[in-house]
Amino acid sequence: MTGPIDDRTAAYIIDSQPLFEDFRQVASQLAGLLVLAATGSRDAAPDHPMLQTADALFRQTRERVEHTRPTECGRAHRDSLREAGDALGRALEAVRTLLTAPRAADFDAALVPLRAGYDHLQQATRALPGFRMVAFEQGCCAGHTASSAISLPI
């Protein structure tokens, strides 16, 4: 987006900032659960409190996204939030399934929609100012190579 932000768009940005952050939190929680499952942790279970928290936050956030009123300038941003919600919903169900049967786990079933949700959140950051994602590739650990069974986008 280029040019000045009108008052209605600024109000949309303020209203949608917590929604963006909540979807980021859901993605982070799902990624954390995948790490637990990938490491064989006994805590990786379908009744894990983090899964319940992610599910509740996801449902609340998705509903709140539908009640936002974007301006024409904010429409692409809300579309990205909706698409992120769709993808995170698929990831949530796949993580739930994975935690139910971790030995026969299909990590791609969860990782693919989780990455898609993350990508849609990144698209939202480009649609309007004031939304940021953490850039891990520039963090203190970026130069270190780690071996991992899975690669998470978060």
N, C-alpha and C. Protein backbone atom coordinates (compact mmCIF):
# COMPACT_ATOMS: atom_id res chain seq x y z
N MET A 1 0.85 -1.17 0.00
CA MET A 1 0.00 0.00 0.00
C MET A 1 0.89 1.23 0.00
N THR A 2 0.51 2.20 -0.80
CA THR A 2 1.24 3.46 -0.85
C THR A 2 0.28 4.59 -0.56
N GLY A 3 0.84 5.70 -0.13
CA GLY A 3 0.02 6.87 0.15
C GLY A 3 -0.47 6.90 1.58
N PRO A 4 -1.14 7.99 1.92
CA PRO A 4 -1.61 8.15 3.29
C PRO A 4 -2.78 7.21 3.62
N ILE A 5 -2.91 6.92 4.89
CA ILE A 5 -3.98 6.06 5.39
C ILE A 5 -5.13 6.94 5.84
N ASP A 6 -6.32 6.66 5.35
CA ASP A 6 -7.49 7.43 5.80
C ASP A 6 -7.93 6.94 7.18
N ASP A 7 -8.80 7.70 7.82
CA ASP A 7 -9.23 7.40 9.20
C ASP A 7 -9.92 6.05 9.33
N ARG A 8 -10.74 5.69 8.37
CA ARG A 8 -11.44 4.41 8.45
C ARG A 8 -10.48 3.23 8.30
N THR A 9 -9.49 3.38 7.44
CA THR A 9 -8.50 2.33 7.28
C THR A 9 -7.64 2.23 8.55
N ALA A 10 -7.30 3.38 9.12
CA ALA A 10 -6.54 3.37 10.38
C ALA A 10 -7.34 2.66 11.47
N ALA A 11 -8.63 2.90 11.52
CA ALA A 11 -9.48 2.22 12.51
C ALA A 11 -9.50 0.71 12.26
N TYR A 12 -9.56 0.31 10.98
CA TYR A 12 -9.52 -1.12 10.65
C TYR A 12 -8.19 -1.72 11.10
N ILE A 13 -7.09 -1.02 10.87
CA ILE A 13 -5.77 -1.51 11.27
C ILE A 13 -5.74 -1.73 12.78
N ILE A 14 -6.24 -0.78 13.52
CA ILE A 14 -6.25 -0.89 14.99
C ILE A 14 -7.13 -2.07 15.43
N ASP A 15 -8.28 -2.22 14.80
CA ASP A 15 -9.19 -3.32 15.15
C ASP A 15 -8.64 -4.69 14.78
N SER A 16 -7.92 -4.77 13.68
CA SER A 16 -7.47 -6.08 13.21
C SER A 16 -6.10 -6.48 13.74
N GLN A 17 -5.38 -5.56 14.36
CA GLN A 17 -4.06 -5.90 14.91
C GLN A 17 -4.14 -7.07 15.90
N PRO A 18 -5.07 -7.06 16.88
CA PRO A 18 -5.15 -8.21 17.80
C PRO A 18 -5.53 -9.51 17.09
N LEU A 19 -6.28 -9.44 16.03
CA LEU A 19 -6.67 -10.64 15.29
C LEU A 19 -5.45 -11.26 14.61
N PHE A 20 -4.66 -10.42 14.00
CA PHE A 20 -3.42 -10.86 13.38
C PHE A 20 -2.52 -11.52 14.42
N GLU A 21 -2.36 -10.87 15.56
CA GLU A 21 -1.52 -11.41 16.63
C GLU A 21 -2.07 -12.73 17.16
N ASP A 22 -3.38 -12.84 17.27
CA ASP A 22 -3.98 -14.08 17.77
C ASP A 22 -3.76 -15.23 16.79
N PHE A 23 -3.90 -14.98 15.49
CA PHE A 23 -3.63 -16.04 14.51
C PHE A 23 -2.15 -16.42 14.54
N ARG A 24 -1.28 -15.44 14.75
CA ARG A 24 0.15 -15.76 14.89
C ARG A 24 0.38 -16.66 16.11
N GLN A 25 -0.33 -16.36 17.19
CA GLN A 25 -0.22 -17.17 18.41
C GLN A 25 -0.70 -18.59 18.16
N VAL A 26 -1.81 -18.75 17.46
CA VAL A 26 -2.32 -20.09 17.13
C VAL A 26 -1.27 -20.85 16.33
N ALA A 27 -0.70 -20.20 15.32
CA ALA A 27 0.33 -20.86 14.50
C ALA A 27 1.52 -21.28 15.37
N SER A 28 1.92 -20.44 16.28
CA SER A 28 3.05 -20.77 17.16
C SER A 28 2.72 -21.94 18.07
N GLN A 29 1.52 -21.96 18.60
CA GLN A 29 1.13 -23.06 19.48
C GLN A 29 1.08 -24.38 18.71
N LEU A 30 0.56 -24.35 17.50
CA LEU A 30 0.53 -25.57 16.69
C LEU A 30 1.95 -26.03 16.35
N ALA A 31 2.82 -25.09 16.03
CA ALA A 31 4.21 -25.45 15.75
C ALA A 31 4.86 -26.08 16.98
N GLY A 32 4.58 -25.54 18.15
CA GLY A 32 5.12 -26.11 19.38
C GLY A 32 4.64 -27.53 19.61
N LEU A 33 3.38 -27.77 19.34
CA LEU A 33 2.84 -29.12 19.49
C LEU A 33 3.48 -30.09 18.50
N LEU A 34 3.76 -29.61 17.30
CA LEU A 34 4.44 -30.46 16.32
C LEU A 34 5.85 -30.80 16.77
N VAL A 35 6.52 -29.86 17.40
CA VAL A 35 7.85 -30.14 17.92
C VAL A 35 7.77 -31.21 19.00
N LEU A 36 6.79 -31.09 19.89
CA LEU A 36 6.62 -32.12 20.92
C LEU A 36 6.40 -33.49 20.28
N ALA A 37 5.54 -33.54 19.28
CA ALA A 37 5.26 -34.81 18.61
C ALA A 37 6.49 -35.34 17.89
N ALA A 38 7.23 -34.47 17.23
CA ALA A 38 8.40 -34.89 16.48
C ALA A 38 9.50 -35.43 17.38
N THR A 39 9.58 -34.92 18.60
CA THR A 39 10.61 -35.38 19.52
C THR A 39 10.17 -36.59 20.33
N GLY A 40 8.94 -37.03 20.11
CA GLY A 40 8.44 -38.20 20.82
C GLY A 40 8.04 -37.93 22.25
N SER A 41 7.80 -36.70 22.58
CA SER A 41 7.43 -36.34 23.94
C SER A 41 6.13 -37.02 24.36
N ARG A 42 6.10 -37.46 25.59
CA ARG A 42 4.86 -38.04 26.13
C ARG A 42 3.78 -36.98 26.30
N ASP A 43 4.19 -35.73 26.31
CA ASP A 43 3.22 -34.64 26.43
C ASP A 43 2.45 -34.39 25.14
N ALA A 44 2.90 -34.97 24.05
CA ALA A 44 2.24 -34.78 22.76
C ALA A 44 1.00 -35.65 22.71
N ALA A 45 -0.09 -35.11 23.24
CA ALA A 45 -1.34 -35.87 23.32
C ALA A 45 -2.51 -34.96 22.93
N PRO A 46 -3.60 -35.55 22.45
CA PRO A 46 -4.72 -34.74 22.00
C PRO A 46 -5.40 -33.94 23.11
N ASP A 47 -5.11 -34.28 24.36
CA ASP A 47 -5.70 -33.51 25.46
C ASP A 47 -4.73 -32.47 26.02
N HIS A 48 -3.65 -32.21 25.29
CA HIS A 48 -2.66 -31.22 25.75
C HIS A 48 -3.35 -29.86 25.88
N PRO A 49 -3.14 -29.16 26.98
CA PRO A 49 -3.79 -27.85 27.19
C PRO A 49 -3.47 -26.83 26.08
N MET A 50 -2.28 -26.92 25.49
CA MET A 50 -1.95 -25.98 24.43
C MET A 50 -2.83 -26.19 23.20
N LEU A 51 -3.22 -27.42 22.92
CA LEU A 51 -4.12 -27.68 21.80
C LEU A 51 -5.49 -27.09 22.09
N GLN A 52 -5.94 -27.26 23.31
CA GLN A 52 -7.24 -26.70 23.70
C GLN A 52 -7.21 -25.18 23.63
N THR A 53 -6.12 -24.59 24.09
CA THR A 53 -5.97 -23.13 24.04
C THR A 53 -5.94 -22.63 22.60
N ALA A 54 -5.16 -23.33 21.75
CA ALA A 54 -5.07 -22.95 20.34
C ALA A 54 -6.43 -23.05 19.67
N ASP A 55 -7.17 -24.11 19.97
CA ASP A 55 -8.49 -24.30 19.37
C ASP A 55 -9.45 -23.18 19.78
N ALA A 56 -9.47 -22.86 21.06
CA ALA A 56 -10.38 -21.80 21.54
C ALA A 56 -10.00 -20.44 20.94
N LEU A 57 -8.72 -20.13 20.93
CA LEU A 57 -8.27 -18.86 20.37
C LEU A 57 -8.56 -18.80 18.88
N PHE A 58 -8.33 -19.90 18.18
CA PHE A 58 -8.61 -19.96 16.75
C PHE A 58 -10.08 -19.66 16.47
N ARG A 59 -10.97 -20.33 17.18
CA ARG A 59 -12.41 -20.15 16.94
C ARG A 59 -12.86 -18.73 17.23
N GLN A 60 -12.39 -18.17 18.32
CA GLN A 60 -12.75 -16.78 18.67
C GLN A 60 -12.23 -15.81 17.63
N THR A 61 -10.99 -16.01 17.22
CA THR A 61 -10.36 -15.09 16.27
C THR A 61 -11.04 -15.18 14.91
N ARG A 62 -11.30 -16.38 14.49
CA ARG A 62 -11.96 -16.55 13.18
C ARG A 62 -13.31 -15.83 13.14
N GLU A 63 -14.06 -15.96 14.21
CA GLU A 63 -15.36 -15.27 14.28
C GLU A 63 -15.17 -13.76 14.27
N ARG A 64 -14.18 -13.27 15.00
CA ARG A 64 -13.95 -11.83 15.07
C ARG A 64 -13.48 -11.28 13.72
N VAL A 65 -12.71 -12.05 12.97
CA VAL A 65 -12.28 -11.61 11.64
C VAL A 65 -13.49 -11.37 10.75
N GLU A 66 -14.48 -12.22 10.86
CA GLU A 66 -15.68 -12.07 10.03
C GLU A 66 -16.47 -10.81 10.37
N HIS A 67 -16.28 -10.27 11.55
CA HIS A 67 -17.01 -9.07 11.95
C HIS A 67 -16.25 -7.78 11.68
N THR A 68 -15.03 -7.89 11.14
CA THR A 68 -14.29 -6.67 10.81
C THR A 68 -14.91 -6.02 9.59
N ARG A 69 -14.71 -4.72 9.50
CA ARG A 69 -15.24 -3.96 8.37
C ARG A 69 -14.09 -3.23 7.69
N PRO A 70 -13.43 -3.93 6.77
CA PRO A 70 -12.29 -3.27 6.11
C PRO A 70 -12.75 -2.24 5.09
N THR A 71 -11.92 -1.26 4.88
CA THR A 71 -12.14 -0.33 3.78
C THR A 71 -11.64 -1.01 2.51
N GLU A 72 -11.76 -0.34 1.41
CA GLU A 72 -11.23 -0.88 0.15
C GLU A 72 -9.74 -1.16 0.30
N CYS A 73 -9.03 -0.27 0.98
CA CYS A 73 -7.58 -0.46 1.19
C CYS A 73 -7.29 -1.65 2.10
N GLY A 74 -8.21 -1.99 2.97
CA GLY A 74 -7.99 -3.07 3.92
C GLY A 74 -8.53 -4.41 3.49
N ARG A 75 -9.20 -4.45 2.36
CA ARG A 75 -9.84 -5.69 1.92
C ARG A 75 -8.83 -6.82 1.68
N ALA A 76 -7.71 -6.52 1.05
CA ALA A 76 -6.71 -7.56 0.80
C ALA A 76 -6.15 -8.09 2.12
N HIS A 77 -6.03 -7.22 3.10
CA HIS A 77 -5.54 -7.64 4.41
C HIS A 77 -6.52 -8.61 5.04
N ARG A 78 -7.80 -8.26 5.04
CA ARG A 78 -8.78 -9.16 5.64
C ARG A 78 -8.87 -10.47 4.86
N ASP A 79 -8.76 -10.40 3.55
CA ASP A 79 -8.75 -11.63 2.76
C ASP A 79 -7.59 -12.53 3.18
N SER A 80 -6.44 -11.93 3.43
CA SER A 80 -5.28 -12.71 3.89
C SER A 80 -5.55 -13.31 5.27
N LEU A 81 -6.18 -12.54 6.15
CA LEU A 81 -6.53 -13.08 7.47
C LEU A 81 -7.52 -14.24 7.34
N ARG A 82 -8.49 -14.10 6.46
CA ARG A 82 -9.46 -15.19 6.25
C ARG A 82 -8.76 -16.44 5.73
N GLU A 83 -7.88 -16.26 4.75
CA GLU A 83 -7.16 -17.40 4.19
C GLU A 83 -6.24 -18.02 5.23
N ALA A 84 -5.62 -17.18 6.06
CA ALA A 84 -4.80 -17.71 7.16
C ALA A 84 -5.67 -18.53 8.10
N GLY A 85 -6.86 -18.04 8.39
CA GLY A 85 -7.78 -18.77 9.26
C GLY A 85 -8.19 -20.10 8.66
N ASP A 86 -8.47 -20.13 7.38
CA ASP A 86 -8.83 -21.39 6.72
C ASP A 86 -7.68 -22.40 6.84
N ALA A 87 -6.47 -21.94 6.54
CA ALA A 87 -5.32 -22.83 6.60
C ALA A 87 -5.03 -23.28 8.03
N LEU A 88 -5.10 -22.36 8.98
CA LEU A 88 -4.85 -22.72 10.37
C LEU A 88 -5.91 -23.67 10.89
N GLY A 89 -7.13 -23.55 10.42
CA GLY A 89 -8.18 -24.49 10.80
C GLY A 89 -7.85 -25.90 10.32
N ARG A 90 -7.34 -26.01 9.09
CA ARG A 90 -6.93 -27.32 8.57
C ARG A 90 -5.74 -27.85 9.36
N ALA A 91 -4.81 -26.97 9.69
CA ALA A 91 -3.63 -27.38 10.47
C ALA A 91 -4.04 -27.85 11.86
N LEU A 92 -4.97 -27.16 12.47
CA LEU A 92 -5.45 -27.52 13.80
C LEU A 92 -6.05 -28.92 13.80
N GLU A 93 -6.87 -29.22 12.82
CA GLU A 93 -7.46 -30.56 12.73
C GLU A 93 -6.39 -31.62 12.47
N ALA A 94 -5.42 -31.29 11.62
CA ALA A 94 -4.36 -32.25 11.32
C ALA A 94 -3.47 -32.49 12.54
N VAL A 95 -3.20 -31.44 13.31
CA VAL A 95 -2.41 -31.62 14.53
C VAL A 95 -3.18 -32.47 15.53
N ARG A 96 -4.46 -32.23 15.64
CA ARG A 96 -5.30 -33.04 16.55
C ARG A 96 -5.23 -34.51 16.15
N THR A 97 -5.35 -34.79 14.86
CA THR A 97 -5.26 -36.16 14.35
C THR A 97 -3.88 -36.75 14.61
N LEU A 98 -2.86 -35.97 14.37
CA LEU A 98 -1.48 -36.41 14.57
C LEU A 98 -1.24 -36.77 16.04
N LEU A 99 -1.74 -35.96 16.95
CA LEU A 99 -1.54 -36.22 18.38
C LEU A 99 -2.35 -37.42 18.86
N THR A 100 -3.38 -37.78 18.13
CA THR A 100 -4.18 -38.95 18.49
C THR A 100 -3.42 -40.24 18.16
N ALA A 101 -2.65 -40.23 17.08
CA ALA A 101 -1.90 -41.41 16.66
C ALA A 101 -0.49 -40.99 16.24
N PRO A 102 0.36 -40.56 17.19
CA PRO A 102 1.67 -40.02 16.82
C PRO A 102 2.61 -41.00 16.13
N ARG A 103 2.48 -42.28 16.36
CA ARG A 103 3.39 -43.24 15.73
C ARG A 103 3.12 -43.38 14.23
N ALA A 104 1.89 -43.18 13.83
CA ALA A 104 1.53 -43.25 12.42
C ALA A 104 1.36 -41.83 11.87
N ALA A 105 2.07 -40.89 12.45
CA ALA A 105 1.88 -39.48 12.16
C ALA A 105 2.26 -39.10 10.73
N ASP A 106 1.42 -38.28 10.15
CA ASP A 106 1.69 -37.68 8.85
C ASP A 106 1.94 -36.19 9.12
N PHE A 107 3.20 -35.84 9.34
CA PHE A 107 3.53 -34.46 9.68
C PHE A 107 3.18 -33.50 8.55
N ASP A 108 3.29 -33.96 7.30
CA ASP A 108 2.97 -33.07 6.18
C ASP A 108 1.50 -32.64 6.21
N ALA A 109 0.64 -33.51 6.70
CA ALA A 109 -0.79 -33.15 6.78
C ALA A 109 -0.99 -31.93 7.67
N ALA A 110 -0.12 -31.74 8.65
CA ALA A 110 -0.21 -30.58 9.53
C ALA A 110 0.70 -29.45 9.06
N LEU A 111 1.89 -29.80 8.58
CA LEU A 111 2.86 -28.77 8.19
C LEU A 111 2.43 -27.98 6.96
N VAL A 112 1.84 -28.64 6.00
CA VAL A 112 1.46 -27.94 4.77
C VAL A 112 0.45 -26.83 5.06
N PRO A 113 -0.65 -27.12 5.76
CA PRO A 113 -1.57 -26.01 6.04
C PRO A 113 -1.00 -25.00 7.04
N LEU A 114 -0.14 -25.45 7.96
CA LEU A 114 0.48 -24.52 8.90
C LEU A 114 1.36 -23.53 8.14
N ARG A 115 2.15 -24.03 7.21
CA ARG A 115 2.98 -23.14 6.39
C ARG A 115 2.11 -22.21 5.55
N ALA A 116 1.01 -22.73 5.03
CA ALA A 116 0.12 -21.89 4.24
C ALA A 116 -0.48 -20.78 5.10
N GLY A 117 -0.88 -21.11 6.30
CA GLY A 117 -1.41 -20.09 7.21
C GLY A 117 -0.37 -19.03 7.50
N TYR A 118 0.85 -19.46 7.75
CA TYR A 118 1.94 -18.54 8.01
C TYR A 118 2.18 -17.65 6.79
N ASP A 119 2.15 -18.24 5.59
CA ASP A 119 2.33 -17.45 4.36
C ASP A 119 1.23 -16.40 4.20
N HIS A 120 0.00 -16.76 4.53
CA HIS A 120 -1.09 -15.80 4.43
C HIS A 120 -0.93 -14.67 5.45
N LEU A 121 -0.41 -15.00 6.62
CA LEU A 121 -0.13 -13.94 7.59
C LEU A 121 0.97 -13.03 7.07
N GLN A 122 1.96 -13.59 6.40
CA GLN A 122 3.00 -12.76 5.80
C GLN A 122 2.42 -11.86 4.71
N GLN A 123 1.47 -12.39 3.95
CA GLN A 123 0.81 -11.57 2.93
C GLN A 123 0.07 -10.41 3.58
N ALA A 124 -0.53 -10.67 4.72
CA ALA A 124 -1.24 -9.60 5.43
C ALA A 124 -0.28 -8.49 5.85
N THR A 125 0.96 -8.85 6.18
CA THR A 125 1.92 -7.82 6.58
C THR A 125 2.25 -6.89 5.43
N ARG A 126 2.12 -7.38 4.22
CA ARG A 126 2.43 -6.56 3.05
C ARG A 126 1.22 -5.74 2.58
N ALA A 127 0.03 -6.11 3.05
CA ALA A 127 -1.18 -5.45 2.58
C ALA A 127 -1.41 -4.10 3.26
N LEU A 128 -1.00 -3.98 4.51
CA LEU A 128 -1.19 -2.74 5.28
C LEU A 128 0.00 -2.54 6.21
N PRO A 129 0.27 -1.31 6.57
CA PRO A 129 1.35 -1.06 7.53
C PRO A 129 0.90 -1.44 8.95
N GLY A 130 1.88 -1.70 9.81
CA GLY A 130 1.59 -1.96 11.21
C GLY A 130 1.51 -3.41 11.60
N PHE A 131 1.76 -4.32 10.68
CA PHE A 131 1.71 -5.75 10.95
C PHE A 131 3.08 -6.33 10.64
N ARG A 132 3.65 -7.04 11.61
CA ARG A 132 4.99 -7.58 11.43
C ARG A 132 5.05 -9.03 11.85
N MET A 133 5.91 -9.73 11.15
CA MET A 133 6.23 -11.11 11.50
C MET A 133 7.66 -11.11 12.00
N VAL A 134 7.97 -12.03 12.88
CA VAL A 134 9.33 -12.18 13.36
C VAL A 134 10.16 -12.80 12.24
N ALA A 135 11.29 -12.19 11.94
CA ALA A 135 12.17 -12.69 10.88
C ALA A 135 13.28 -13.50 11.52
N PHE A 136 13.08 -14.81 11.68
CA PHE A 136 14.06 -15.66 12.34
C PHE A 136 15.37 -15.76 11.56
N GLU A 137 15.31 -15.58 10.24
CA GLU A 137 16.53 -15.71 9.47
C GLU A 137 17.54 -14.62 9.82
N GLN A 138 17.14 -13.59 10.54
CA GLN A 138 18.07 -12.55 10.95
C GLN A 138 18.33 -12.59 12.45
N GLY A 139 17.88 -13.63 13.12
CA GLY A 139 18.07 -13.75 14.56
C GLY A 139 19.45 -14.27 14.91
N CYS A 140 19.71 -14.38 16.20
CA CYS A 140 21.03 -14.79 16.68
C CYS A 140 21.40 -16.20 16.27
N CYS A 141 20.43 -17.04 16.01
CA CYS A 141 20.70 -18.43 15.66
C CYS A 141 20.70 -18.66 14.15
N ALA A 142 20.53 -17.63 13.37
CA ALA A 142 20.36 -17.79 11.93
C ALA A 142 21.57 -18.43 11.26
N GLY A 143 22.77 -18.19 11.76
CA GLY A 143 23.96 -18.73 11.13
C GLY A 143 24.27 -20.15 11.50
N HIS A 144 23.55 -20.69 12.47
CA HIS A 144 23.82 -22.05 12.96
C HIS A 144 22.96 -23.05 12.20
N THR A 145 23.54 -24.19 11.94
CA THR A 145 22.81 -25.27 11.28
C THR A 145 22.36 -26.26 12.34
N ALA A 146 21.11 -26.61 12.27
CA ALA A 146 20.58 -27.61 13.22
C ALA A 146 19.92 -28.70 12.42
N SER A 147 20.10 -29.93 12.87
CA SER A 147 19.41 -31.03 12.21
C SER A 147 18.09 -31.22 12.92
N SER A 148 17.06 -31.45 12.14
CA SER A 148 15.73 -31.58 12.69
C SER A 148 14.92 -32.53 11.85
N ALA A 149 14.01 -33.23 12.48
CA ALA A 149 13.14 -34.15 11.76
C ALA A 149 12.10 -33.37 10.95
N ILE A 150 11.77 -32.18 11.42
CA ILE A 150 10.79 -31.37 10.72
C ILE A 150 11.31 -29.95 10.63
N SER A 151 10.80 -29.23 9.67
CA SER A 151 11.17 -27.83 9.49
C SER A 151 9.90 -27.01 9.68
N LEU A 152 9.90 -26.15 10.68
CA LEU A 152 8.71 -25.37 10.98
C LEU A 152 8.88 -23.95 10.47
N PRO A 153 7.79 -23.33 10.01
CA PRO A 153 7.87 -21.98 9.46
C PRO A 153 7.91 -20.92 10.54
N ILE A 154 7.81 -21.29 11.79
CA ILE A 154 7.65 -20.29 12.84
C ILE A 154 8.80 -20.38 13.82
